[in-house]
Every structure is written in C-alpha cells, then in structure tokens.
C-alpha cells in the first residue's frame, strides 16, 4: 500500500442513469464556439479553441448552485457532454462512436464572464473565468447503448421559466465524431475524459435566486437554483 504524505483526494465520478454504477472522471475538456451564434455562420476551417476545467469542477446538476466569488457576471452555458471510454491519439472520426464513446450527459460550462473579458483584453489565461469550484454541473451519464449517439434533438436552458438558449444538437458546427477526433490530434485522450462540446447562442447572466431548467432531448433534464 502506498504511503501518501497527505490523504489522497477522493476520486471524482458521475452516476450512471438507471444504475448504481459510476463513471470515473479523468480530465474535463471544454470546447469553445461550436454552434452558430449568427445567421448563416460558417463552420470554421479548423478545430475550435478548447480549454480545461479541473475534475473537481464536476458536481451533480441538481439542487443548489453556489454563486461564485469574484464576479458580477456569472453566466450559464448548456452543453452536450461526451464521456470517453477508450482513449487514443489521432483517432479516426469514423471509429469515434463505435469504439471510443461510453455515453452522454447534459452539463453546464459556467463562466465568470467579467473575468473572461479581462483575460481576453490582457491576453491572459482563462482559468480564473472557467476553472472555479462548482463550474461544471453534470447530469448522470446516459450509456450510448441505451440512448444511441445523438445527432439531433433539442438542447435548451430556461431561467425563471423564460427560454434563454434553445437549439438542436444537429446545429453543432463540428459534430461529435469530428470534434473528438480533432481533439485527439492535439492530446492523447484517456478513458474517463469528459468533453463539453460547446454551447448555443443565448448565454446570459445568472442572479442569486434564479431557477434554472435545462436539458437535452433523449439525454437528460435537470433543474438548479442559484444560491
């Protein structure tokens, strides 16, 4: 048995929908702009920008969502989340769904937008804006063998009963197989990795007391209240 000099952190895992099993989370990759935010927006020639959140940012998408410190512009971004079962580098897009994806979830890429804008102006890193505590709520994972591989279906988020974001998974500028394959050319993917695949237009601020309702057809629906 290894003698750690301090107690080892507890592993982070997501529940599996309809099961007592859990999916161990490795790394959390987040994709930047991957939906059209303007009419007739063309797909970019290359892969969208990506960044990472710590595994500890993953929390259940339920109950209370703490309003984070250090910001006055706390924003929601609903996303389809892909769970990787088999890793690899330079993955063939045609093999992604059959060999590399374990399942899917709905998640929030929460952002301290004012800190992000400051980082953009200064050319600084995005971690203060993206990698804070509770910044990646996620629903239980739906196994691909149960839900298939979603190529269409509504993705939506409402605040206090008013729609903020509503699109279709079919609107992704880069579809999931292409996105996972491109990411694998930049970094070797590993079992347990999560990929947040981008958010539709309509991101906006959250206030204390706001009620969030969100979901992706065929994957999951959830609700949270901003504390």
Protein backbone atom coordinates (compact mmCIF):
# COMPACT_ATOMS: atom_id res chain seq x y z
CA UNK A 1 0.00 0.00 0.00
CA UNK A 2 1.36 3.42 -0.99
CA UNK A 3 2.31 5.75 1.84
CA UNK A 4 0.98 9.14 0.79
CA UNK A 5 2.37 12.13 2.67
CA UNK A 6 -1.14 13.64 2.80
CA UNK A 7 -4.54 11.95 2.40
CA UNK A 8 -5.20 11.14 -1.26
CA UNK A 9 -8.12 13.07 -2.79
CA UNK A 10 -11.33 11.13 -3.24
CA UNK A 11 -11.90 10.09 -6.86
CA UNK A 12 -14.49 12.07 -8.82
CA UNK A 13 -17.19 10.00 -10.51
CA UNK A 14 -20.54 10.60 -12.19
CA UNK A 15 -23.56 8.39 -11.59
CA UNK A 16 -24.89 6.30 -14.44
CA UNK A 17 -28.56 6.85 -15.24
CA UNK A 18 -30.72 3.99 -14.03
CA UNK A 19 -27.84 2.17 -12.35
CA UNK A 20 -25.84 2.03 -9.14
CA UNK A 21 -22.64 2.09 -11.22
CA UNK A 22 -20.47 5.18 -11.52
CA UNK A 23 -18.21 6.55 -14.24
CA UNK A 24 -14.75 7.67 -13.03
CA UNK A 25 -13.90 11.14 -14.33
CA UNK A 26 -10.41 11.75 -15.62
CA UNK A 27 -9.98 15.13 -17.34
CA UNK A 28 -12.54 17.75 -18.38
CA UNK A 29 -12.14 19.32 -21.83
CA UNK A 30 -14.35 22.22 -22.90
CA UNK A 31 -14.81 23.33 -26.50
CA UNK A 32 -15.27 26.98 -27.39
CA UNK A 33 -17.64 28.26 -30.07
CA UNK A 34 -19.18 25.21 -31.74
CA UNK A 35 -22.73 26.41 -32.55
CA UNK A 36 -23.69 29.19 -34.95
CA UNK A 37 -24.28 32.39 -32.97
CA UNK A 38 -25.13 34.37 -36.09
CA UNK A 39 -27.31 33.63 -39.11
CA UNK A 40 -25.53 31.63 -41.79
CA UNK A 41 -22.38 31.34 -39.68
CA UNK A 42 -19.96 29.05 -41.47
CA UNK A 43 -18.14 26.17 -39.83
CA UNK A 44 -14.57 27.19 -39.02
CA UNK A 45 -11.78 25.70 -41.08
CA UNK A 46 -10.03 24.27 -38.03
CA UNK A 47 -10.88 22.98 -34.60
CA UNK A 48 -12.49 25.45 -32.19
CA UNK A 49 -10.45 26.65 -29.23
CA UNK A 50 -10.50 24.38 -26.19
CA UNK A 51 -9.62 24.71 -22.52
CA UNK A 52 -9.80 22.54 -19.41
CA UNK A 53 -11.52 22.54 -16.04
CA UNK A 54 -10.32 20.60 -13.02
CA UNK A 55 -12.03 17.32 -12.31
CA UNK A 56 -13.24 18.82 -9.03
CA UNK A 57 -15.37 21.31 -11.00
CA UNK A 58 -17.73 18.41 -11.79
CA UNK A 59 -20.74 18.41 -9.45
CA UNK A 60 -24.26 16.93 -9.74
CA UNK A 61 -26.62 19.08 -11.81
CA UNK A 62 -29.25 19.31 -9.11
CA UNK A 63 -30.19 21.29 -6.03
CA UNK A 64 -28.29 24.44 -5.17
CA UNK A 65 -25.75 26.14 -7.44
CA UNK A 66 -23.49 28.44 -5.39
CA UNK A 67 -22.91 31.92 -6.82
CA UNK A 68 -19.11 32.08 -7.14
CA UNK A 69 -16.93 34.76 -5.55
CA UNK A 70 -15.01 37.38 -7.51
CA UNK A 71 -17.58 38.08 -10.22
CA UNK A 72 -20.57 40.24 -11.02
CA UNK A 73 -21.27 38.49 -14.34
CA UNK A 74 -21.92 34.79 -13.70
CA UNK A 75 -23.12 33.12 -16.93
CA UNK A 76 -24.72 29.83 -17.97
CA UNK A 77 -23.76 27.69 -20.98
CA UNK A 78 -25.71 24.46 -21.59
CA UNK A 79 -23.73 21.74 -23.38
CA UNK A 80 -23.84 18.14 -24.58
CA UNK A 81 -21.19 16.22 -22.63
CA UNK A 82 -19.38 13.21 -24.12
CA UNK A 83 -17.81 10.54 -21.89
CA UNK A 84 -14.78 8.73 -23.32
CA UNK A 85 -14.45 5.01 -22.65
CA UNK A 86 -11.42 4.23 -24.80
CA UNK A 87 -8.66 6.73 -25.37
CA UNK A 88 -6.19 7.21 -28.17
CA UNK A 89 -4.35 9.65 -30.36
CA UNK A 90 -5.18 10.56 -33.97
CA UNK A 91 -8.50 8.76 -33.72
CA UNK A 92 -10.39 8.09 -36.94
CA UNK A 93 -13.70 10.04 -36.87
CA UNK A 94 -15.46 7.01 -38.34
CA UNK A 95 -14.46 4.97 -35.25
CA UNK A 96 -15.31 7.50 -32.54
CA UNK A 97 -18.89 6.47 -31.82
CA UNK A 98 -18.38 2.71 -32.12
CA UNK A 99 -15.10 2.44 -30.21
CA UNK A 100 -14.47 5.47 -28.02
CA UNK A 101 -17.68 6.97 -26.58
CA UNK A 102 -19.22 5.45 -23.45
CA UNK A 103 -22.16 7.79 -23.04
CA UNK A 104 -23.60 11.29 -22.87
CA UNK A 105 -24.86 13.82 -20.34
CA UNK A 106 -26.14 17.37 -20.14
CA UNK A 107 -23.82 19.82 -18.42
CA UNK A 108 -23.20 23.47 -17.69
CA UNK A 109 -19.97 25.24 -18.55
CA UNK A 110 -20.36 28.07 -16.03
CA UNK A 111 -18.33 31.21 -16.62
CA UNK A 112 -17.27 34.30 -14.70
CA UNK A 113 -17.74 36.39 -17.83
CA UNK A 114 -16.22 39.59 -16.48
CA UNK A 115 -13.01 37.72 -15.62
CA UNK A 116 -13.02 36.11 -19.06
CA UNK A 117 -13.27 39.51 -20.75
CA UNK A 118 -10.42 40.82 -18.60
CA UNK A 119 -8.30 37.82 -19.62
CA UNK A 120 -9.07 38.37 -23.30
CA UNK A 121 -8.05 42.03 -23.12
CA UNK A 122 -4.84 41.22 -21.26
CA UNK A 123 -4.03 38.10 -23.26
CA UNK A 124 -4.09 36.13 -20.02
CA UNK A 125 -5.26 32.61 -19.16
CA UNK A 126 -8.94 31.71 -18.77
CA UNK A 127 -8.62 29.59 -15.61
CA UNK A 128 -9.98 32.32 -13.27
CA UNK A 129 -13.03 32.62 -15.52
CA UNK A 130 -13.64 28.93 -16.14
CA UNK A 131 -11.95 26.67 -13.58
CA UNK A 132 -13.62 27.70 -10.33
CA UNK A 133 -15.47 25.49 -7.84
CA UNK A 134 -18.81 24.01 -9.00
CA UNK A 135 -18.24 25.34 -12.52
CA UNK A 136 -19.24 22.15 -14.36
CA UNK A 137 -22.54 20.70 -13.09
CA UNK A 138 -23.35 17.48 -14.94
CA UNK A 139 -26.30 15.10 -15.06
CA UNK A 140 -25.95 11.33 -14.66
CA UNK A 141 -24.43 9.73 -17.74
CA UNK A 142 -26.72 8.02 -20.22
CA UNK A 143 -24.95 4.99 -21.73
CA UNK A 144 -24.70 5.14 -25.51
CA UNK A 145 -26.05 1.59 -25.64
CA UNK A 146 -29.27 2.97 -24.11
CA UNK A 147 -29.66 6.28 -25.94
CA UNK A 148 -27.69 5.77 -29.14
CA UNK A 149 -25.46 8.54 -30.46
CA UNK A 150 -27.46 11.79 -30.61
CA UNK A 151 -27.22 13.54 -33.95
CA UNK A 152 -30.29 15.71 -33.38
CA UNK A 153 -32.57 16.76 -30.54
CA UNK A 154 -33.38 19.96 -28.67
CA UNK A 155 -30.78 21.43 -26.33
CA UNK A 156 -32.23 24.16 -24.14
CA UNK A 157 -31.94 26.22 -20.97
CA UNK A 158 -34.51 28.46 -19.29
CA UNK A 159 -34.13 30.84 -16.35
CA UNK A 160 -37.20 31.53 -14.21
CA UNK A 161 -39.38 29.93 -16.87
CA UNK A 162 -38.05 32.05 -19.75
CA UNK A 163 -36.07 30.43 -22.56
CA UNK A 164 -32.50 31.69 -22.83
CA UNK A 165 -30.87 29.03 -25.01
CA UNK A 166 -32.65 26.74 -27.47
CA UNK A 167 -31.07 24.96 -30.40
CA UNK A 168 -30.65 21.47 -31.83
CA UNK A 169 -27.69 19.15 -31.41
CA UNK A 170 -27.75 18.90 -35.21
CA UNK A 171 -26.63 22.55 -35.25
CA UNK A 172 -23.15 21.71 -33.92
CA UNK A 173 -20.62 23.26 -36.28
CA UNK A 174 -18.33 20.28 -35.71
CA UNK A 175 -20.23 17.05 -34.98
CA UNK A 176 -19.14 14.94 -32.04
CA UNK A 177 -17.10 12.35 -34.03
CA UNK A 178 -15.13 15.07 -35.80
CA UNK A 179 -14.68 17.03 -32.58
CA UNK A 180 -13.35 14.05 -30.60
CA UNK A 181 -11.05 13.07 -33.47
CA UNK A 182 -9.65 16.61 -33.77
CA UNK A 183 -9.10 16.82 -30.01
CA UNK A 184 -7.18 13.53 -30.14
CA UNK A 185 -4.75 15.08 -32.60
CA UNK A 186 -3.86 17.69 -30.01
CA UNK A 187 -3.74 15.48 -26.91
CA UNK A 188 -3.99 11.74 -26.37
CA UNK A 189 -7.44 11.06 -24.94
CA UNK A 190 -7.82 8.73 -21.98
CA UNK A 191 -10.64 6.61 -20.55
CA UNK A 192 -12.66 8.76 -18.17
CA UNK A 193 -12.20 12.02 -20.08
CA UNK A 194 -15.25 14.25 -20.48
CA UNK A 195 -15.71 16.58 -23.46
CA UNK A 196 -18.10 19.53 -23.18
CA UNK A 197 -18.96 20.15 -26.84
CA UNK A 198 -19.90 23.84 -26.97
CA UNK A 199 -22.96 25.95 -26.23
CA UNK A 200 -25.69 27.53 -28.39
CA UNK A 201 -26.37 31.25 -28.64
CA UNK A 202 -28.22 32.87 -25.74
CA UNK A 203 -25.71 32.66 -22.89
CA UNK A 204 -26.56 35.14 -20.21
CA UNK A 205 -26.10 36.16 -16.58
CA UNK A 206 -27.46 34.38 -13.53
CA UNK A 207 -28.58 36.13 -10.35
CA UNK A 208 -28.96 34.79 -6.84
CA UNK A 209 -32.33 33.10 -6.53
CA UNK A 210 -32.65 32.29 -10.25
CA UNK A 211 -34.21 28.94 -11.12
CA UNK A 212 -32.52 27.07 -13.96
CA UNK A 213 -34.28 24.39 -16.01
CA UNK A 214 -32.33 22.76 -18.81
CA UNK A 215 -31.86 19.59 -20.78
CA UNK A 216 -31.12 17.72 -23.97
CA UNK A 217 -33.80 15.58 -25.60
CA UNK A 218 -33.16 11.89 -25.10
CA UNK A 219 -30.26 12.50 -22.68
CA UNK A 220 -31.34 14.30 -19.50
CA UNK A 221 -33.24 17.20 -17.97
CA UNK A 222 -32.33 18.97 -14.75
CA UNK A 223 -33.06 21.94 -12.52
CA UNK A 224 -30.93 24.02 -10.16
CA UNK A 225 -31.38 27.15 -8.04
CA UNK A 226 -28.66 29.76 -7.76
CA UNK A 227 -27.85 30.30 -4.10
